[in-house]
Amino acid sequence: MICDNYEYSSWVYAAISDYERAYRCLEKMSVLGRELQSNNKLRNIEQEISYKRYQDQKHATEMKERGYEIELLKRNVWLLSSVLILGVIAGVFISNRKYLIRDIRIRSMPRR
């Protein structure tokens, strides 16, 4: 907006043949325009840096979550393995118990 004012002022001064003032207005417009471009570039760079930091934090969070998921899966595998092993051991004991009871009954029967 201020740049536009300097530009319009330079036109007015040029129209009334005050070329020195017209030139000063154009110089001010040029300086202000460069400052605005510099500020825009700086803002863009800051936004890029901020976005990069956000992406890095997001990646770090995802990696932590994956680590937690891996640990949870490991724990579940150990738990499932333990339950299966205990089930097999219990099955063996129950199976042996049947045979032991049958053998005891056979031995306790009177012989003829």
Protein backbone atom coordinates (compact mmCIF):
# COMPACT_ATOMS: atom_id res chain seq x y z
CA MET A 1 0.00 0.00 0.00
CA ILE A 2 2.79 2.41 0.91
CA CYS A 3 4.67 1.37 -2.24
CA ASP A 4 1.60 2.24 -4.28
CA ASN A 5 1.43 5.65 -2.61
CA TYR A 6 5.07 6.34 -3.51
CA GLU A 7 4.40 5.26 -7.08
CA TYR A 8 1.32 7.49 -7.42
CA SER A 9 3.19 10.39 -5.83
CA SER A 10 6.00 10.00 -8.35
CA TRP A 11 3.46 10.13 -11.18
CA VAL A 12 1.90 13.28 -9.75
CA TYR A 13 5.28 14.97 -9.27
CA ALA A 14 6.35 13.96 -12.76
CA ALA A 15 3.10 15.37 -14.16
CA ILE A 16 3.76 18.73 -12.53
CA SER A 17 7.39 18.59 -13.72
CA ASP A 18 8.91 18.17 -10.23
CA TYR A 19 11.25 15.42 -11.34
CA GLU A 20 13.47 15.54 -8.28
CA ARG A 21 10.58 14.70 -5.93
CA ALA A 22 9.29 12.12 -8.42
CA TYR A 23 12.73 10.46 -8.40
CA ARG A 24 12.88 10.46 -4.57
CA CYS A 25 9.44 8.84 -4.41
CA LEU A 26 10.55 6.15 -6.87
CA GLU A 27 13.71 5.54 -4.81
CA LYS A 28 11.66 5.18 -1.62
CA MET A 29 9.29 2.84 -3.43
CA SER A 30 12.23 0.76 -4.67
CA VAL A 31 13.86 0.55 -1.21
CA LEU A 32 10.56 -0.35 0.44
CA GLY A 33 9.85 -2.96 -2.25
CA ARG A 34 13.24 -4.63 -1.65
CA GLU A 35 12.61 -4.64 2.11
CA LEU A 36 9.22 -6.26 1.60
CA GLN A 37 10.72 -8.90 -0.70
CA SER A 38 13.48 -9.55 1.83
CA ASN A 39 10.91 -9.87 4.61
CA ASN A 40 8.84 -12.25 2.49
CA LYS A 41 11.92 -14.37 1.77
CA LEU A 42 12.81 -14.39 5.45
CA ARG A 43 9.25 -15.37 6.37
CA ASN A 44 9.31 -18.16 3.79
CA ILE A 45 12.62 -19.44 5.14
CA GLU A 46 11.25 -19.36 8.70
CA GLN A 47 8.15 -21.25 7.57
CA GLU A 48 10.31 -23.86 5.85
CA ILE A 49 12.43 -24.28 8.98
CA SER A 50 9.30 -24.55 11.12
CA TYR A 51 7.80 -27.13 8.76
CA LYS A 52 11.06 -29.12 8.79
CA ARG A 53 11.05 -29.13 12.60
CA TYR A 54 7.43 -30.27 12.59
CA GLN A 55 8.26 -33.09 10.17
CA ASP A 56 11.24 -34.13 12.33
CA GLN A 57 9.09 -34.20 15.47
CA LYS A 58 6.38 -36.12 13.65
CA HIS A 59 8.94 -38.66 12.43
CA ALA A 60 10.43 -39.01 15.92
CA THR A 61 6.96 -39.57 17.39
CA GLU A 62 6.14 -42.19 14.75
CA MET A 63 9.42 -43.98 15.45
CA LYS A 64 8.66 -44.02 19.20
CA GLU A 65 5.20 -45.42 18.50
CA ARG A 66 6.68 -48.12 16.28
CA GLY A 67 9.17 -48.95 19.03
CA TYR A 68 6.31 -49.30 21.52
CA GLU A 69 4.39 -51.49 19.07
CA ILE A 70 7.43 -53.72 18.57
CA GLU A 71 7.89 -54.08 22.33
CA LEU A 72 4.20 -54.89 22.71
CA LEU A 73 4.41 -57.54 19.99
CA LYS A 74 7.50 -59.07 21.62
CA ARG A 75 5.71 -59.22 24.95
CA ASN A 76 2.65 -60.79 23.34
CA VAL A 77 4.81 -63.41 21.59
CA TRP A 78 6.49 -64.32 24.88
CA LEU A 79 3.14 -64.48 26.64
CA LEU A 80 1.61 -66.66 23.93
CA SER A 81 4.67 -68.92 23.89
CA SER A 82 4.51 -69.31 27.67
CA VAL A 83 0.81 -70.16 27.57
CA LEU A 84 1.38 -72.72 24.81
CA ILE A 85 4.27 -74.34 26.68
CA LEU A 86 2.22 -74.49 29.88
CA GLY A 87 -0.68 -75.97 27.88
CA VAL A 88 1.58 -78.67 26.44
CA ILE A 89 3.00 -79.46 29.88
CA ALA A 90 -0.51 -79.62 31.37
CA GLY A 91 -1.62 -81.87 28.50
CA VAL A 92 1.29 -84.22 29.13
CA PHE A 93 0.53 -84.38 32.86
CA ILE A 94 -3.17 -85.00 32.26
CA SER A 95 -2.37 -87.70 29.71
CA ASN A 96 0.12 -89.38 32.06
CA ARG A 97 -2.36 -89.13 34.92
CA LYS A 98 -4.94 -91.13 32.94
CA TYR A 99 -2.40 -93.88 32.30
CA LEU A 100 -1.23 -93.86 35.92
CA ILE A 101 -4.81 -94.19 37.20
CA ARG A 102 -5.48 -97.04 34.76
CA ASP A 103 -2.27 -98.80 35.82
CA ILE A 104 -3.17 -98.42 39.50
CA ARG A 105 -6.64 -99.90 38.89
CA ILE A 106 -5.18 -102.79 36.95
CA ARG A 107 -2.65 -103.52 39.71
CA SER A 108 -5.23 -103.26 42.44
CA MET A 109 -7.52 -105.81 40.79
CA PRO A 110 -7.38 -109.26 42.31
CA ARG A 111 -5.59 -111.83 40.23
CA ARG A 112 -7.19 -115.11 39.38
